[in-house]
Amino acid sequence: MKILLVEDDSILGDGIRAGLKQAGYATDWVQDGMAATHALKTGDYSAMILDLNLPKKSGLDVLADCRSQKNAIPVLILTARDTLSDKIKGLDSGADDYLIKPFDLDELLARIRALVRRSSGQSSAVIIRGELILDPAAHTVMLNNQVIGVSVKEFSILEQLLLNQGRVFSREQLEEKLYGWDDEIESNSVEVHIHHLRKKLGNELIRTIRGIGYVIDKL
């Protein structure tokens, strides 16, 4: 999954990006409001972490433009503005969550997981499909009560398909979810990751729609 990080503080932004990467997220990081609006128009993100005090365009203006474009991306405001009126204004402007700086990285990651989960209509903290259990917090996959070792990219593809069962994703759409601007996309990487997942989880789970993409069917 890929997160859009909008933070103008270089040290803080670098730390958040490192934490997101360690948690398995790809991240595109921009440092002003105009760049954030452009990224939202051109990228496909699972969530956005949005500072409010930004150069060129405020975070609230970025959020207003985003919602006026009918973009339903989950948005977490991350800011030093800590008054009750600030929180109310942020949430009423279309944000889905509000976290005040300074913050704990584990709490930020938990809130991102919750936002992504709710946006996919998933109520449980773990995703269960038959004998398959995926735990985004623990970053584990279990099949028939056995832990299955998967790479970060394999986990991301599996999570994306499980959260959107019945929806077909093209190779390009999966690549968009897996890689940030600074990542090098390896040739045929999605096909290789799907191949490895099938070897570990069986050939029936992920179905290929010839010429279109990949899907995990609804049960």
C-alpha atoms as a PDB file:
ATOM      1  CA  MET A   1       0.000   0.000   0.000  1.00  0.00           C
ATOM      2  CA  LYS A   2       1.120   3.541  -0.669  1.00  0.00           C
ATOM      3  CA  ILE A   3       0.746   6.572   1.568  1.00  0.00           C
ATOM      4  CA  LEU A   4       0.933  10.235   0.566  1.00  0.00           C
ATOM      5  CA  LEU A   5       2.902  12.083   3.250  1.00  0.00           C
ATOM      6  CA  VAL A   6       2.496  15.877   3.280  1.00  0.00           C
ATOM      7  CA  GLU A   7       4.980  17.356   5.769  1.00  0.00           C
ATOM      8  CA  ASP A   8       7.238  20.393   5.342  1.00  0.00           C
ATOM      9  CA  ASP A   9       9.581  19.597   8.251  1.00  0.00           C
ATOM     10  CA  SER A  10      12.470  17.683   6.680  1.00  0.00           C
ATOM     11  CA  ILE A  11      13.635  15.888   9.818  1.00  0.00           C
ATOM     12  CA  LEU A  12      10.137  14.862  10.891  1.00  0.00           C
ATOM     13  CA  GLY A  13       9.118  13.882   7.368  1.00  0.00           C
ATOM     14  CA  ASP A  14      12.219  11.748   6.940  1.00  0.00           C
ATOM     15  CA  GLY A  15      11.490   9.973  10.220  1.00  0.00           C
ATOM     16  CA  ILE A  16       7.853   9.307   9.338  1.00  0.00           C
ATOM     17  CA  ARG A  17       8.813   8.031   5.891  1.00  0.00           C
ATOM     18  CA  ALA A  18      11.356   5.660   7.446  1.00  0.00           C
ATOM     19  CA  GLY A  19       8.738   4.396   9.890  1.00  0.00           C
ATOM     20  CA  LEU A  20       6.205   3.847   7.131  1.00  0.00           C
ATOM     21  CA  LYS A  21       8.776   1.967   5.060  1.00  0.00           C
ATOM     22  CA  GLN A  22       9.658  -0.251   8.005  1.00  0.00           C
ATOM     23  CA  ALA A  23       5.943  -1.012   8.410  1.00  0.00           C
ATOM     24  CA  GLY A  24       5.756  -2.100   4.771  1.00  0.00           C
ATOM     25  CA  TYR A  25       4.216   1.001   3.180  1.00  0.00           C
ATOM     26  CA  ALA A  26       5.450   2.681   0.032  1.00  0.00           C
ATOM     27  CA  THR A  27       5.480   6.450   0.518  1.00  0.00           C
ATOM     28  CA  ASP A  28       5.387   9.520  -1.685  1.00  0.00           C
ATOM     29  CA  TRP A  29       6.513  12.546   0.324  1.00  0.00           C
ATOM     30  CA  VAL A  30       5.795  16.163  -0.620  1.00  0.00           C
ATOM     31  CA  GLN A  31       6.645  19.263   1.384  1.00  0.00           C
ATOM     32  CA  ASP A  32       4.144  21.912   0.266  1.00  0.00           C
ATOM     33  CA  GLY A  33       0.435  22.173  -0.395  1.00  0.00           C
ATOM     34  CA  MET A  34       0.624  22.694  -4.149  1.00  0.00           C
ATOM     35  CA  ALA A  35       2.695  19.535  -4.562  1.00  0.00           C
ATOM     36  CA  ALA A  36       0.186  17.642  -2.429  1.00  0.00           C
ATOM     37  CA  THR A  37      -2.729  18.693  -4.636  1.00  0.00           C
ATOM     38  CA  HIS A  38      -0.795  17.644  -7.745  1.00  0.00           C
ATOM     39  CA  ALA A  39       0.101  14.276  -6.206  1.00  0.00           C
ATOM     40  CA  LEU A  40      -3.541  13.619  -5.346  1.00  0.00           C
ATOM     41  CA  LYS A  41      -4.529  14.215  -8.965  1.00  0.00           C
ATOM     42  CA  THR A  42      -1.912  11.876 -10.400  1.00  0.00           C
ATOM     43  CA  GLY A  43      -1.351   9.157  -7.778  1.00  0.00           C
ATOM     44  CA  ASP A  44      -3.368   6.344  -6.253  1.00  0.00           C
ATOM     45  CA  TYR A  45      -2.962   6.295  -2.476  1.00  0.00           C
ATOM     46  CA  SER A  46      -4.410   4.208   0.322  1.00  0.00           C
ATOM     47  CA  ALA A  47      -4.276   7.152   2.760  1.00  0.00           C
ATOM     48  CA  MET A  48      -2.824  10.639   3.245  1.00  0.00           C
ATOM     49  CA  ILE A  49      -0.987  12.038   6.281  1.00  0.00           C
ATOM     50  CA  LEU A  50      -1.514  15.798   6.105  1.00  0.00           C
ATOM     51  CA  ASP A  51       0.191  18.609   7.995  1.00  0.00           C
ATOM     52  CA  LEU A  52      -1.774  21.868   8.206  1.00  0.00           C
ATOM     53  CA  ASN A  53       0.936  24.550   8.303  1.00  0.00           C
ATOM     54  CA  LEU A  54       2.312  24.143   4.804  1.00  0.00           C
ATOM     55  CA  PRO A  55       4.034  26.545   2.386  1.00  0.00           C
ATOM     56  CA  LYS A  56       2.259  27.622  -0.827  1.00  0.00           C
ATOM     57  CA  LYS A  57      -1.112  26.152   0.190  1.00  0.00           C
ATOM     58  CA  SER A  58      -2.497  25.268   3.617  1.00  0.00           C
ATOM     59  CA  GLY A  59      -3.379  21.740   4.609  1.00  0.00           C
ATOM     60  CA  LEU A  60      -7.029  22.704   5.030  1.00  0.00           C
ATOM     61  CA  ASP A  61      -7.084  24.088   1.470  1.00  0.00           C
ATOM     62  CA  VAL A  62      -5.488  20.865   0.204  1.00  0.00           C
ATOM     63  CA  LEU A  63      -8.189  18.916   2.012  1.00  0.00           C
ATOM     64  CA  ALA A  64     -10.982  21.142   0.688  1.00  0.00           C
ATOM     65  CA  ASP A  65      -9.774  20.736  -2.905  1.00  0.00           C
ATOM     66  CA  CYS A  66      -9.437  16.976  -2.414  1.00  0.00           C
ATOM     67  CA  ARG A  67     -12.999  16.583  -1.187  1.00  0.00           C
ATOM     68  CA  SER A  68     -14.393  18.963  -3.833  1.00  0.00           C
ATOM     69  CA  GLN A  69     -12.910  16.582  -6.436  1.00  0.00           C
ATOM     70  CA  LYS A  70     -14.899  13.728  -4.817  1.00  0.00           C
ATOM     71  CA  ASN A  71     -11.644  12.104  -3.728  1.00  0.00           C
ATOM     72  CA  ALA A  72     -12.539   9.824  -0.792  1.00  0.00           C
ATOM     73  CA  ILE A  73      -8.957   9.025   0.240  1.00  0.00           C
ATOM     74  CA  PRO A  74      -8.703   8.497   4.031  1.00  0.00           C
ATOM     75  CA  VAL A  75      -6.994  11.572   5.528  1.00  0.00           C
ATOM     76  CA  LEU A  76      -5.197  11.824   8.854  1.00  0.00           C
ATOM     77  CA  ILE A  77      -4.302  15.367   9.914  1.00  0.00           C
ATOM     78  CA  LEU A  78      -0.962  15.436  11.741  1.00  0.00           C
ATOM     79  CA  THR A  79      -0.362  18.860  13.248  1.00  0.00           C
ATOM     80  CA  ALA A  80       0.840  20.907  16.191  1.00  0.00           C
ATOM     81  CA  ARG A  81      -2.511  22.733  16.290  1.00  0.00           C
ATOM     82  CA  ASP A  82      -3.953  21.300  19.460  1.00  0.00           C
ATOM     83  CA  THR A  83      -7.029  23.307  20.381  1.00  0.00           C
ATOM     84  CA  LEU A  84     -10.493  21.785  20.369  1.00  0.00           C
ATOM     85  CA  SER A  85     -11.630  24.253  17.714  1.00  0.00           C
ATOM     86  CA  ASP A  86      -8.712  23.201  15.470  1.00  0.00           C
ATOM     87  CA  LYS A  87      -9.700  19.549  15.800  1.00  0.00           C
ATOM     88  CA  ILE A  88     -13.337  20.254  15.050  1.00  0.00           C
ATOM     89  CA  LYS A  89     -12.426  22.392  12.027  1.00  0.00           C
ATOM     90  CA  GLY A  90     -10.124  19.705  10.652  1.00  0.00           C
ATOM     91  CA  LEU A  91     -12.630  16.901  11.025  1.00  0.00           C
ATOM     92  CA  ASP A  92     -15.505  19.015   9.716  1.00  0.00           C
ATOM     93  CA  SER A  93     -13.377  19.886   6.682  1.00  0.00           C
ATOM     94  CA  GLY A  94     -13.289  16.242   5.640  1.00  0.00           C
ATOM     95  CA  ALA A  95     -10.447  14.653   7.614  1.00  0.00           C
ATOM     96  CA  ASP A  96     -11.038  11.148   8.951  1.00  0.00           C
ATOM     97  CA  ASP A  97      -8.689  11.392  11.930  1.00  0.00           C
ATOM     98  CA  TYR A  98      -6.640  13.990  13.799  1.00  0.00           C
ATOM     99  CA  LEU A  99      -3.353  13.420  15.614  1.00  0.00           C
ATOM    100  CA  ILE A 100      -1.411  16.091  17.500  1.00  0.00           C
ATOM    101  CA  LYS A 101       2.376  16.504  17.426  1.00  0.00           C
ATOM    102  CA  PRO A 102       4.429  15.261  19.171  1.00  0.00           C
ATOM    103  CA  PHE A 103       3.131  11.774  18.607  1.00  0.00           C
ATOM    104  CA  ASP A 104       4.133   8.130  18.943  1.00  0.00           C
ATOM    105  CA  LEU A 105       4.967   6.423  15.656  1.00  0.00           C
ATOM    106  CA  ASP A 106       3.218   3.218  16.714  1.00  0.00           C
ATOM    107  CA  GLU A 107       0.019   5.184  17.313  1.00  0.00           C
ATOM    108  CA  LEU A 108       0.327   6.853  13.899  1.00  0.00           C
ATOM    109  CA  LEU A 109       0.720   3.452  12.225  1.00  0.00           C
ATOM    110  CA  ALA A 110      -2.239   2.019  14.139  1.00  0.00           C
ATOM    111  CA  ARG A 111      -4.403   4.941  13.047  1.00  0.00           C
ATOM    112  CA  ILE A 112      -3.331   4.482   9.408  1.00  0.00           C
ATOM    113  CA  ARG A 113      -4.212   0.782   9.571  1.00  0.00           C
ATOM    114  CA  ALA A 114      -7.622   1.653  11.017  1.00  0.00           C
ATOM    115  CA  LEU A 115      -8.305   4.247   8.305  1.00  0.00           C
ATOM    116  CA  VAL A 116      -7.340   1.853   5.511  1.00  0.00           C
ATOM    117  CA  ARG A 117      -9.378  -0.926   7.086  1.00  0.00           C
ATOM    118  CA  ARG A 118     -12.512   1.192   7.462  1.00  0.00           C
ATOM    119  CA  SER A 119     -12.223   2.614   3.946  1.00  0.00           C
ATOM    120  CA  SER A 120     -12.343  -0.959   2.614  1.00  0.00           C
ATOM    121  CA  GLY A 121     -15.396  -1.854   4.681  1.00  0.00           C
ATOM    122  CA  GLN A 122     -13.313  -4.146   6.894  1.00  0.00           C
ATOM    123  CA  SER A 123     -14.444  -4.063  10.531  1.00  0.00           C
ATOM    124  CA  SER A 124     -12.014  -6.590  12.010  1.00  0.00           C
ATOM    125  CA  ALA A 125      -8.356  -5.830  12.721  1.00  0.00           C
ATOM    126  CA  VAL A 126      -7.382  -9.027  10.889  1.00  0.00           C
ATOM    127  CA  ILE A 127      -8.565 -10.205   7.479  1.00  0.00           C
ATOM    128  CA  ILE A 128      -9.960 -13.738   7.453  1.00  0.00           C
ATOM    129  CA  ARG A 129     -10.788 -15.664   4.300  1.00  0.00           C
ATOM    130  CA  GLY A 130     -11.470 -19.319   4.956  1.00  0.00           C
ATOM    131  CA  GLU A 131      -8.325 -20.772   6.543  1.00  0.00           C
ATOM    132  CA  LEU A 132      -6.260 -17.754   5.528  1.00  0.00           C
ATOM    133  CA  ILE A 133      -5.611 -15.020   8.113  1.00  0.00           C
ATOM    134  CA  LEU A 134      -3.710 -11.802   7.381  1.00  0.00           C
ATOM    135  CA  ASP A 135      -2.779  -9.575  10.320  1.00  0.00           C
ATOM    136  CA  PRO A 136      -1.724  -6.064   9.168  1.00  0.00           C
ATOM    137  CA  ALA A 137      -0.506  -5.037  12.637  1.00  0.00           C
ATOM    138  CA  ALA A 138       1.692  -8.081  13.195  1.00  0.00           C
ATOM    139  CA  HIS A 139       2.477  -8.282   9.462  1.00  0.00           C
ATOM    140  CA  THR A 140       1.851 -12.013   9.459  1.00  0.00           C
ATOM    141  CA  VAL A 141       0.055 -14.461   7.203  1.00  0.00           C
ATOM    142  CA  MET A 142      -1.325 -17.767   8.473  1.00  0.00           C
ATOM    143  CA  LEU A 143      -2.819 -20.602   6.467  1.00  0.00           C
ATOM    144  CA  ASN A 144      -4.298 -23.675   8.153  1.00  0.00           C
ATOM    145  CA  ASN A 145      -2.815 -22.475  11.491  1.00  0.00           C
ATOM    146  CA  GLN A 146       0.666 -22.340   9.998  1.00  0.00           C
ATOM    147  CA  VAL A 147       2.670 -19.111   9.669  1.00  0.00           C
ATOM    148  CA  ILE A 148       3.560 -18.474   6.039  1.00  0.00           C
ATOM    149  CA  GLY A 149       6.686 -16.436   5.321  1.00  0.00           C
ATOM    150  CA  VAL A 150       6.064 -13.706   2.753  1.00  0.00           C
ATOM    151  CA  SER A 151       8.121 -10.743   1.589  1.00  0.00           C
ATOM    152  CA  VAL A 152       7.038  -7.135   2.169  1.00  0.00           C
ATOM    153  CA  LYS A 153       5.837  -6.779  -1.428  1.00  0.00           C
ATOM    154  CA  GLU A 154       4.042 -10.132  -1.367  1.00  0.00           C
ATOM    155  CA  PHE A 155       2.289  -9.068   1.833  1.00  0.00           C
ATOM    156  CA  SER A 156       1.228  -5.765   0.262  1.00  0.00           C
ATOM    157  CA  ILE A 157      -0.234  -7.440  -2.827  1.00  0.00           C
ATOM    158  CA  LEU A 158      -2.073 -10.007  -0.729  1.00  0.00           C
ATOM    159  CA  GLU A 159      -3.452  -7.332   1.623  1.00  0.00           C
ATOM    160  CA  GLN A 160      -4.583  -5.180  -1.308  1.00  0.00           C
ATOM    161  CA  LEU A 161      -6.418  -8.073  -2.980  1.00  0.00           C
ATOM    162  CA  LEU A 162      -7.957  -9.341   0.263  1.00  0.00           C
ATOM    163  CA  LEU A 163      -9.235  -5.884   1.236  1.00  0.00           C
ATOM    164  CA  ASN A 164     -10.866  -5.577  -2.186  1.00  0.00           C
ATOM    165  CA  GLN A 165     -12.190  -9.095  -2.806  1.00  0.00           C
ATOM    166  CA  GLY A 166     -14.064  -9.326  -6.098  1.00  0.00           C
ATOM    167  CA  ARG A 167     -12.211  -6.332  -7.623  1.00  0.00           C
ATOM    168  CA  VAL A 168      -9.740  -6.938 -10.436  1.00  0.00           C
ATOM    169  CA  PHE A 169      -6.415  -5.074 -10.257  1.00  0.00           C
ATOM    170  CA  SER A 170      -4.228  -4.660 -13.311  1.00  0.00           C
ATOM    171  CA  ARG A 171      -0.467  -5.110 -13.067  1.00  0.00           C
ATOM    172  CA  GLU A 172      -0.075  -1.335 -13.383  1.00  0.00           C
ATOM    173  CA  GLN A 173      -2.555  -0.673 -10.564  1.00  0.00           C
ATOM    174  CA  LEU A 174      -0.723  -3.072  -8.261  1.00  0.00           C
ATOM    175  CA  GLU A 175       2.618  -1.468  -9.137  1.00  0.00           C
ATOM    176  CA  GLU A 176       1.102   1.932  -8.294  1.00  0.00           C
ATOM    177  CA  LYS A 177       0.166   0.573  -4.864  1.00  0.00           C
ATOM    178  CA  LEU A 178       3.556  -1.060  -4.271  1.00  0.00           C
ATOM    179  CA  TYR A 179       6.104   1.555  -5.284  1.00  0.00           C
ATOM    180  CA  GLY A 180       6.809   5.158  -4.353  1.00  0.00           C
ATOM    181  CA  TRP A 181       8.496   7.753  -6.554  1.00  0.00           C
ATOM    182  CA  ASP A 182      11.936   6.853  -5.233  1.00  0.00           C
ATOM    183  CA  ASP A 183      11.541   3.101  -5.663  1.00  0.00           C
ATOM    184  CA  GLU A 184      12.963   1.248  -8.633  1.00  0.00           C
ATOM    185  CA  ILE A 185      10.317  -0.983 -10.233  1.00  0.00           C
ATOM    186  CA  GLU A 186      11.790  -4.295 -11.239  1.00  0.00           C
ATOM    187  CA  SER A 187      10.704  -5.851 -14.525  1.00  0.00           C
ATOM    188  CA  ASN A 188       7.776  -8.261 -14.142  1.00  0.00           C
ATOM    189  CA  SER A 189       7.898  -7.742 -10.385  1.00  0.00           C
ATOM    190  CA  VAL A 190       4.142  -8.148  -9.870  1.00  0.00           C
ATOM    191  CA  GLU A 191       4.083 -11.385 -11.852  1.00  0.00           C
ATOM    192  CA  VAL A 192       7.001 -12.723  -9.786  1.00  0.00           C
ATOM    193  CA  HIS A 193       5.337 -11.803  -6.473  1.00  0.00           C
ATOM    194  CA  ILE A 194       2.039 -13.400  -7.575  1.00  0.00           C
ATOM    195  CA  HIS A 195       3.921 -16.534  -8.590  1.00  0.00           C
ATOM    196  CA  HIS A 196       5.560 -16.750  -5.163  1.00  0.00           C
ATOM    197  CA  LEU A 197       2.245 -16.184  -3.371  1.00  0.00           C
ATOM    198  CA  ARG A 198       0.648 -19.016  -5.345  1.00  0.00           C
ATOM    199  CA  LYS A 199       3.485 -21.359  -4.438  1.00  0.00           C
ATOM    200  CA  LYS A 200       2.973 -20.534  -0.752  1.00  0.00           C
ATOM    201  CA  LEU A 201      -0.824 -20.240  -0.599  1.00  0.00           C
ATOM    202  CA  GLY A 202      -2.048 -22.441  -3.454  1.00  0.00           C
ATOM    203  CA  ASN A 203      -3.009 -21.719  -7.040  1.00  0.00           C
ATOM    204  CA  GLU A 204      -6.705 -21.193  -6.384  1.00  0.00           C
ATOM    205  CA  LEU A 205      -6.550 -18.071  -4.177  1.00  0.00           C
ATOM    206  CA  ILE A 206      -5.418 -15.448  -6.697  1.00  0.00           C
ATOM    207  CA  ARG A 207      -7.137 -15.751 -10.053  1.00  0.00           C
ATOM    208  CA  THR A 208      -5.729 -14.290 -13.270  1.00  0.00           C
ATOM    209  CA  ILE A 209      -8.175 -12.524 -15.558  1.00  0.00           C
ATOM    210  CA  ARG A 210      -6.335 -12.879 -18.850  1.00  0.00           C
ATOM    211  CA  GLY A 211      -5.444  -9.516 -20.353  1.00  0.00           C
ATOM    212  CA  ILE A 212      -6.891  -7.590 -17.384  1.00  0.00           C
ATOM    213  CA  GLY A 213      -5.277  -8.464 -14.067  1.00  0.00           C
ATOM    214  CA  TYR A 214      -5.623 -10.338 -10.792  1.00  0.00           C
ATOM    215  CA  VAL A 215      -8.451 -10.889  -8.329  1.00  0.00           C
ATOM    216  CA  ILE A 216      -9.320 -12.746  -5.145  1.00  0.00           C
ATOM    217  CA  ASP A 217     -12.937 -13.747  -5.529  1.00  0.00           C
ATOM    218  CA  LYS A 218     -15.473 -13.106  -2.800  1.00  0.00           C
ATOM    219  CA  LEU A 219     -16.549 -16.176  -0.871  1.00  0.00           C
END
